[in-house]
PDB file of N, CA and C in Angstrom:
ATOM      1  N   MET A   1     -28.238 -32.904 -65.187  1.00  0.00           N
ATOM      2  CA  MET A   1     -27.241 -33.968 -65.264  1.00  0.00           C
ATOM      3  C   MET A   1     -26.482 -33.836 -66.589  1.00  0.00           C
ATOM      4  N   PRO A   2     -25.162 -33.877 -66.525  1.00  0.00           N
ATOM      5  CA  PRO A   2     -24.389 -33.719 -67.762  1.00  0.00           C
ATOM      6  C   PRO A   2     -24.539 -34.930 -68.681  1.00  0.00           C
ATOM      7  N   SER A   3     -24.412 -34.686 -69.959  1.00  0.00           N
ATOM      8  CA  SER A   3     -24.433 -35.782 -70.928  1.00  0.00           C
ATOM      9  C   SER A   3     -23.139 -36.581 -70.784  1.00  0.00           C
ATOM     10  N   PRO A   4     -23.116 -37.810 -71.296  1.00  0.00           N
ATOM     11  CA  PRO A   4     -21.872 -38.587 -71.239  1.00  0.00           C
ATOM     12  C   PRO A   4     -20.694 -37.867 -71.897  1.00  0.00           C
ATOM     13  N   GLU A   5     -20.967 -37.162 -72.974  1.00  0.00           N
ATOM     14  CA  GLU A   5     -19.888 -36.441 -73.663  1.00  0.00           C
ATOM     15  C   GLU A   5     -19.354 -35.299 -72.799  1.00  0.00           C
ATOM     16  N   GLU A   6     -20.257 -34.604 -72.102  1.00  0.00           N
ATOM     17  CA  GLU A   6     -19.831 -33.525 -71.202  1.00  0.00           C
ATOM     18  C   GLU A   6     -19.060 -34.089 -70.013  1.00  0.00           C
ATOM     19  N   GLU A   7     -19.527 -35.219 -69.518  1.00  0.00           N
ATOM     20  CA  GLU A   7     -18.827 -35.880 -68.409  1.00  0.00           C
ATOM     21  C   GLU A   7     -17.426 -36.297 -68.844  1.00  0.00           C
ATOM     22  N   LEU A   8     -17.312 -36.783 -70.072  1.00  0.00           N
ATOM     23  CA  LEU A   8     -16.012 -37.183 -70.616  1.00  0.00           C
ATOM     24  C   LEU A   8     -15.083 -35.973 -70.715  1.00  0.00           C
ATOM     25  N   GLN A   9     -15.601 -34.852 -71.174  1.00  0.00           N
ATOM     26  CA  GLN A   9     -14.783 -33.638 -71.265  1.00  0.00           C
ATOM     27  C   GLN A   9     -14.299 -33.201 -69.886  1.00  0.00           C
ATOM     28  N   GLU A  10     -15.163 -33.294 -68.881  1.00  0.00           N
ATOM     29  CA  GLU A  10     -14.771 -32.924 -67.521  1.00  0.00           C
ATOM     30  C   GLU A  10     -13.693 -33.873 -66.993  1.00  0.00           C
ATOM     31  N   LEU A  11     -13.835 -35.154 -67.247  1.00  0.00           N
ATOM     32  CA  LEU A  11     -12.807 -36.109 -66.826  1.00  0.00           C
ATOM     33  C   LEU A  11     -11.477 -35.803 -67.503  1.00  0.00           C
ATOM     34  N   GLU A  12     -11.526 -35.458 -68.781  1.00  0.00           N
ATOM     35  CA  GLU A  12     -10.293 -35.110 -69.503  1.00  0.00           C
ATOM     36  C   GLU A  12      -9.630 -33.885 -68.879  1.00  0.00           C
ATOM     37  N   ARG A  13     -10.431 -32.891 -68.476  1.00  0.00           N
ATOM     38  CA  ARG A  13      -9.877 -31.701 -67.813  1.00  0.00           C
ATOM     39  C   ARG A  13      -9.231 -32.088 -66.475  1.00  0.00           C
ATOM     40  N   GLU A  14      -9.918 -32.928 -65.709  1.00  0.00           N
ATOM     41  CA  GLU A  14      -9.379 -33.352 -64.418  1.00  0.00           C
ATOM     42  C   GLU A  14      -8.089 -34.149 -64.591  1.00  0.00           C
ATOM     43  N   ILE A  15      -8.047 -35.009 -65.600  1.00  0.00           N
ATOM     44  CA  ILE A  15      -6.846 -35.799 -65.881  1.00  0.00           C
ATOM     45  C   ILE A  15      -5.690 -34.869 -66.237  1.00  0.00           C
ATOM     46  N   ALA A  16      -5.947 -33.865 -67.049  1.00  0.00           N
ATOM     47  CA  ALA A  16      -4.894 -32.906 -67.422  1.00  0.00           C
ATOM     48  C   ALA A  16      -4.361 -32.175 -66.193  1.00  0.00           C
ATOM     49  N   ILE A  17      -5.255 -31.796 -65.287  1.00  0.00           N
ATOM     50  CA  ILE A  17      -4.831 -31.110 -64.063  1.00  0.00           C
ATOM     51  C   ILE A  17      -3.966 -32.017 -63.214  1.00  0.00           C
ATOM     52  N   VAL A  18      -4.378 -33.259 -63.039  1.00  0.00           N
ATOM     53  CA  VAL A  18      -3.605 -34.196 -62.215  1.00  0.00           C
ATOM     54  C   VAL A  18      -2.250 -34.470 -62.852  1.00  0.00           C
ATOM     55  N   ARG A  19      -2.215 -34.615 -64.165  1.00  0.00           N
ATOM     56  CA  ARG A  19      -0.922 -34.829 -64.847  1.00  0.00           C
ATOM     57  C   ARG A  19       0.011 -33.643 -64.627  1.00  0.00           C
ATOM     58  N   GLU A  20      -0.530 -32.440 -64.686  1.00  0.00           N
ATOM     59  CA  GLU A  20       0.287 -31.248 -64.427  1.00  0.00           C
ATOM     60  C   GLU A  20       0.747 -31.230 -62.975  1.00  0.00           C
ATOM     61  N   ASN A  21      -0.135 -31.600 -62.052  1.00  0.00           N
ATOM     62  CA  ASN A  21       0.255 -31.689 -60.642  1.00  0.00           C
ATOM     63  C   ASN A  21       1.404 -32.672 -60.459  1.00  0.00           C
ATOM     64  N   LEU A  22       1.303 -33.819 -61.108  1.00  0.00           N
ATOM     65  CA  LEU A  22       2.371 -34.820 -61.004  1.00  0.00           C
ATOM     66  C   LEU A  22       3.686 -34.283 -61.550  1.00  0.00           C
ATOM     67  N   ARG A  23       3.617 -33.588 -62.687  1.00  0.00           N
ATOM     68  CA  ARG A  23       4.839 -33.023 -63.272  1.00  0.00           C
ATOM     69  C   ARG A  23       5.469 -32.033 -62.306  1.00  0.00           C
ATOM     70  N   THR A  24       4.653 -31.152 -61.740  1.00  0.00           N
ATOM     71  CA  THR A  24       5.146 -30.146 -60.800  1.00  0.00           C
ATOM     72  C   THR A  24       5.720 -30.793 -59.544  1.00  0.00           C
ATOM     73  N   LEU A  25       4.992 -31.757 -58.996  1.00  0.00           N
ATOM     74  CA  LEU A  25       5.462 -32.440 -57.782  1.00  0.00           C
ATOM     75  C   LEU A  25       6.775 -33.174 -58.039  1.00  0.00           C
ATOM     76  N   THR A  26       6.898 -33.776 -59.209  1.00  0.00           N
ATOM     77  CA  THR A  26       8.139 -34.493 -59.545  1.00  0.00           C
ATOM     78  C   THR A  26       9.307 -33.521 -59.640  1.00  0.00           C
ATOM     79  N   GLU A  27       9.078 -32.371 -60.254  1.00  0.00           N
ATOM     80  CA  GLU A  27      10.134 -31.358 -60.328  1.00  0.00           C
ATOM     81  C   GLU A  27      10.515 -30.868 -58.934  1.00  0.00           C
ATOM     82  N   GLN A  28       9.513 -30.636 -58.093  1.00  0.00           N
ATOM     83  CA  GLN A  28       9.782 -30.181 -56.726  1.00  0.00           C
ATOM     84  C   GLN A  28      10.541 -31.248 -55.949  1.00  0.00           C
ATOM     85  N   ALA A  29      10.150 -32.498 -56.116  1.00  0.00           N
ATOM     86  CA  ALA A  29      10.800 -33.582 -55.390  1.00  0.00           C
ATOM     87  C   ALA A  29      12.272 -33.704 -55.785  1.00  0.00           C
ATOM     88  N   ALA A  30      12.557 -33.450 -57.044  1.00  0.00           N
ATOM     89  CA  ALA A  30      13.946 -33.533 -57.511  1.00  0.00           C
ATOM     90  C   ALA A  30      14.817 -32.471 -56.856  1.00  0.00           C
ATOM     91  N   ALA A  31      14.198 -31.366 -56.464  1.00  0.00           N
ATOM     92  CA  ALA A  31      14.950 -30.269 -55.862  1.00  0.00           C
ATOM     93  C   ALA A  31      15.066 -30.389 -54.341  1.00  0.00           C
ATOM     94  N   LEU A  32      14.314 -31.311 -53.754  1.00  0.00           N
ATOM     95  CA  LEU A  32      14.304 -31.426 -52.295  1.00  0.00           C
ATOM     96  C   LEU A  32      15.471 -32.248 -51.781  1.00  0.00           C
ATOM     97  N   SER A  33      15.849 -31.934 -50.566  1.00  0.00           N
ATOM     98  CA  SER A  33      16.784 -32.795 -49.855  1.00  0.00           C
ATOM     99  C   SER A  33      16.318 -32.843 -48.411  1.00  0.00           C
ATOM    100  N   GLY A  34      16.448 -33.985 -47.812  1.00  0.00           N
ATOM    101  CA  GLY A  34      15.989 -34.159 -46.439  1.00  0.00           C
ATOM    102  C   GLY A  34      14.873 -35.172 -46.386  1.00  0.00           C
ATOM    103  N   GLY A  35      14.968 -36.053 -45.424  1.00  0.00           N
ATOM    104  CA  GLY A  35      14.052 -37.174 -45.322  1.00  0.00           C
ATOM    105  C   GLY A  35      12.590 -36.798 -45.246  1.00  0.00           C
ATOM    106  N   ALA A  36      12.232 -35.870 -44.377  1.00  0.00           N
ATOM    107  CA  ALA A  36      10.823 -35.523 -44.194  1.00  0.00           C
ATOM    108  C   ALA A  36      10.247 -34.883 -45.447  1.00  0.00           C
ATOM    109  N   ASP A  37      10.997 -33.975 -46.073  1.00  0.00           N
ATOM    110  CA  ASP A  37      10.520 -33.334 -47.291  1.00  0.00           C
ATOM    111  C   ASP A  37      10.347 -34.346 -48.412  1.00  0.00           C
ATOM    112  N   GLU A  38      11.310 -35.234 -48.551  1.00  0.00           N
ATOM    113  CA  GLU A  38      11.241 -36.239 -49.603  1.00  0.00           C
ATOM    114  C   GLU A  38      10.072 -37.188 -49.368  1.00  0.00           C
ATOM    115  N   ALA A  39       9.851 -37.571 -48.118  1.00  0.00           N
ATOM    116  CA  ALA A  39       8.737 -38.467 -47.797  1.00  0.00           C
ATOM    117  C   ALA A  39       7.403 -37.792 -48.094  1.00  0.00           C
ATOM    118  N   ARG A  40       7.279 -36.528 -47.734  1.00  0.00           N
ATOM    119  CA  ARG A  40       6.045 -35.786 -47.986  1.00  0.00           C
ATOM    120  C   ARG A  40       5.809 -35.664 -49.496  1.00  0.00           C
ATOM    121  N   ALA A  41       6.839 -35.355 -50.235  1.00  0.00           N
ATOM    122  CA  ALA A  41       6.707 -35.243 -51.693  1.00  0.00           C
ATOM    123  C   ALA A  41       6.313 -36.587 -52.296  1.00  0.00           C
ATOM    124  N   SER A  42       6.928 -37.642 -51.806  1.00  0.00           N
ATOM    125  CA  SER A  42       6.605 -38.978 -52.296  1.00  0.00           C
ATOM    126  C   SER A  42       5.151 -39.337 -52.018  1.00  0.00           C
ATOM    127  N   ASP A  43       4.668 -38.982 -50.835  1.00  0.00           N
ATOM    128  CA  ASP A  43       3.267 -39.238 -50.485  1.00  0.00           C
ATOM    129  C   ASP A  43       2.325 -38.470 -51.406  1.00  0.00           C
ATOM    130  N   ARG A  44       2.643 -37.219 -51.658  1.00  0.00           N
ATOM    131  CA  ARG A  44       1.790 -36.396 -52.532  1.00  0.00           C
ATOM    132  C   ARG A  44       1.791 -36.938 -53.961  1.00  0.00           C
ATOM    133  N   ILE A  45       2.943 -37.378 -54.433  1.00  0.00           N
ATOM    134  CA  ILE A  45       3.031 -37.963 -55.773  1.00  0.00           C
ATOM    135  C   ILE A  45       2.193 -39.236 -55.827  1.00  0.00           C
ATOM    136  N   ALA A  46       2.284 -40.070 -54.799  1.00  0.00           N
ATOM    137  CA  ALA A  46       1.506 -41.310 -54.766  1.00  0.00           C
ATOM    138  C   ALA A  46       0.006 -41.015 -54.775  1.00  0.00           C
ATOM    139  N   GLU A  47      -0.418 -40.014 -54.017  1.00  0.00           N
ATOM    140  CA  GLU A  47      -1.834 -39.644 -53.989  1.00  0.00           C
ATOM    141  C   GLU A  47      -2.312 -39.203 -55.365  1.00  0.00           C
ATOM    142  N   GLN A  48      -1.525 -38.362 -56.022  1.00  0.00           N
ATOM    143  CA  GLN A  48      -1.905 -37.876 -57.350  1.00  0.00           C
ATOM    144  C   GLN A  48      -1.893 -39.008 -58.374  1.00  0.00           C
ATOM    145  N   ASP A  49      -0.948 -39.940 -58.228  1.00  0.00           N
ATOM    146  CA  ASP A  49      -0.884 -41.077 -59.138  1.00  0.00           C
ATOM    147  C   ASP A  49      -2.122 -41.968 -58.979  1.00  0.00           C
ATOM    148  N   GLU A  50      -2.543 -42.180 -57.739  1.00  0.00           N
ATOM    149  CA  GLU A  50      -3.766 -42.959 -57.493  1.00  0.00           C
ATOM    150  C   GLU A  50      -4.978 -42.250 -58.091  1.00  0.00           C
ATOM    151  N   LEU A  51      -5.049 -40.942 -57.934  1.00  0.00           N
ATOM    152  CA  LEU A  51      -6.151 -40.175 -58.497  1.00  0.00           C
ATOM    153  C   LEU A  51      -6.144 -40.278 -60.016  1.00  0.00           C
ATOM    154  N   LEU A  52      -4.965 -40.175 -60.626  1.00  0.00           N
ATOM    155  CA  LEU A  52      -4.861 -40.285 -62.078  1.00  0.00           C
ATOM    156  C   LEU A  52      -5.340 -41.658 -62.548  1.00  0.00           C
ATOM    157  N   THR A  53      -4.951 -42.707 -61.841  1.00  0.00           N
ATOM    158  CA  THR A  53      -5.381 -44.062 -62.189  1.00  0.00           C
ATOM    159  C   THR A  53      -6.898 -44.179 -62.121  1.00  0.00           C
ATOM    160  N   SER A  54      -7.488 -43.629 -61.068  1.00  0.00           N
ATOM    161  CA  SER A  54      -8.940 -43.671 -60.896  1.00  0.00           C
ATOM    162  C   SER A  54      -9.652 -42.892 -61.996  1.00  0.00           C
ATOM    163  N   LEU A  55      -9.198 -41.679 -62.258  1.00  0.00           N
ATOM    164  CA  LEU A  55      -9.823 -40.857 -63.294  1.00  0.00           C
ATOM    165  C   LEU A  55      -9.690 -41.494 -64.672  1.00  0.00           C
ATOM    166  N   THR A  56      -8.547 -42.073 -64.947  1.00  0.00           N
ATOM    167  CA  THR A  56      -8.326 -42.716 -66.239  1.00  0.00           C
ATOM    168  C   THR A  56      -9.256 -43.917 -66.406  1.00  0.00           C
ATOM    169  N   ALA A  57      -9.428 -44.687 -65.348  1.00  0.00           N
ATOM    170  CA  ALA A  57     -10.340 -45.835 -65.402  1.00  0.00           C
ATOM    171  C   ALA A  57     -11.778 -45.374 -65.634  1.00  0.00           C
ATOM    172  N   ARG A  58     -12.180 -44.307 -64.946  1.00  0.00           N
ATOM    173  CA  ARG A  58     -13.529 -43.762 -65.134  1.00  0.00           C
ATOM    174  C   ARG A  58     -13.715 -43.282 -66.566  1.00  0.00           C
ATOM    175  N   ARG A  59     -12.692 -42.587 -67.089  1.00  0.00           N
ATOM    176  CA  ARG A  59     -12.768 -42.087 -68.466  1.00  0.00           C
ATOM    177  C   ARG A  59     -12.885 -43.246 -69.454  1.00  0.00           C
ATOM    178  N   ASP A  60     -12.054 -44.272 -69.270  1.00  0.00           N
ATOM    179  CA  ASP A  60     -12.078 -45.410 -70.189  1.00  0.00           C
ATOM    180  C   ASP A  60     -13.431 -46.115 -70.164  1.00  0.00           C
ATOM    181  N   ALA A  61     -14.007 -46.280 -68.959  1.00  0.00           N
ATOM    182  CA  ALA A  61     -15.320 -46.914 -68.841  1.00  0.00           C
ATOM    183  C   ALA A  61     -16.387 -46.060 -69.523  1.00  0.00           C
ATOM    184  N   LEU A  62     -16.301 -44.762 -69.352  1.00  0.00           N
ATOM    185  CA  LEU A  62     -17.269 -43.859 -69.978  1.00  0.00           C
ATOM    186  C   LEU A  62     -17.128 -43.896 -71.491  1.00  0.00           C
ATOM    187  N   GLU A  63     -15.903 -43.905 -71.990  1.00  0.00           N
ATOM    188  CA  GLU A  63     -15.692 -43.995 -73.438  1.00  0.00           C
ATOM    189  C   GLU A  63     -16.293 -45.286 -73.984  1.00  0.00           C
ATOM    190  N   ASP A  64     -16.103 -46.395 -73.261  1.00  0.00           N
ATOM    191  CA  ASP A  64     -16.685 -47.672 -73.694  1.00  0.00           C
ATOM    192  C   ASP A  64     -18.205 -47.584 -73.720  1.00  0.00           C
ATOM    193  N   ARG A  65     -18.791 -46.947 -72.706  1.00  0.00           N
ATOM    194  CA  ARG A  65     -20.240 -46.794 -72.630  1.00  0.00           C
ATOM    195  C   ARG A  65     -20.748 -45.933 -73.788  1.00  0.00           C
ATOM    196  N   ILE A  66     -20.027 -44.849 -74.087  1.00  0.00           N
ATOM    197  CA  ILE A  66     -20.424 -43.969 -75.189  1.00  0.00           C
ATOM    198  C   ILE A  66     -20.343 -44.724 -76.514  1.00  0.00           C
ATOM    199  N   ARG A  67     -19.249 -45.427 -76.730  1.00  0.00           N
ATOM    200  CA  ARG A  67     -19.087 -46.189 -77.979  1.00  0.00           C
ATOM    201  C   ARG A  67     -20.150 -47.266 -78.095  1.00  0.00           C
ATOM    202  N   GLY A  68     -20.448 -47.937 -76.997  1.00  0.00           N
ATOM    203  CA  GLY A  68     -21.466 -48.985 -77.008  1.00  0.00           C
ATOM    204  C   GLY A  68     -22.836 -48.431 -77.330  1.00  0.00           C
ATOM    205  N   GLY A  69     -23.139 -47.273 -76.803  1.00  0.00           N
ATOM    206  CA  GLY A  69     -24.421 -46.624 -77.066  1.00  0.00           C
ATOM    207  C   GLY A  69     -24.559 -46.192 -78.515  1.00  0.00           C
ATOM    208  N   LYS A  70     -23.456 -45.766 -79.115  1.00  0.00           N
ATOM    209  CA  LYS A  70     -23.497 -45.319 -80.519  1.00  0.00           C
ATOM    210  C   LYS A  70     -23.641 -46.522 -81.455  1.00  0.00           C
ATOM    211  N   ARG A  71     -23.038 -47.653 -81.074  1.00  0.00           N
ATOM    212  CA  ARG A  71     -23.178 -48.861 -81.910  1.00  0.00           C
ATOM    213  C   ARG A  71     -24.603 -49.385 -81.848  1.00  0.00           C
ATOM    214  N   GLY A  72     -25.185 -49.318 -80.636  1.00  0.00           N
ATOM    215  CA  GLY A  72     -26.524 -49.882 -80.469  1.00  0.00           C
ATOM    216  C   GLY A  72     -27.627 -48.966 -80.946  1.00  0.00           C
ATOM    217  N   GLY A  73     -27.300 -47.665 -81.163  1.00  0.00           N
ATOM    218  CA  GLY A  73     -28.325 -46.700 -81.517  1.00  0.00           C
ATOM    219  C   GLY A  73     -28.487 -46.616 -82.959  1.00  0.00           C
TER     220      GLY A  73
END
């Protein structure tokens, strides 16, 4: 089982990947024309945005847990 610090590093890597995905999808969406393509791009952006929100919340909770453990230790 990974330590909290290792878990935090993995979350940071995942967040960076999702942010890059969002940047790429946004650039692709700007170049698209046509209803179906735009809708598909919008759906993919929304999915990645939800994932980013979830990962960020997990990271923040883990950081709070790590800080709390260091104060109490």
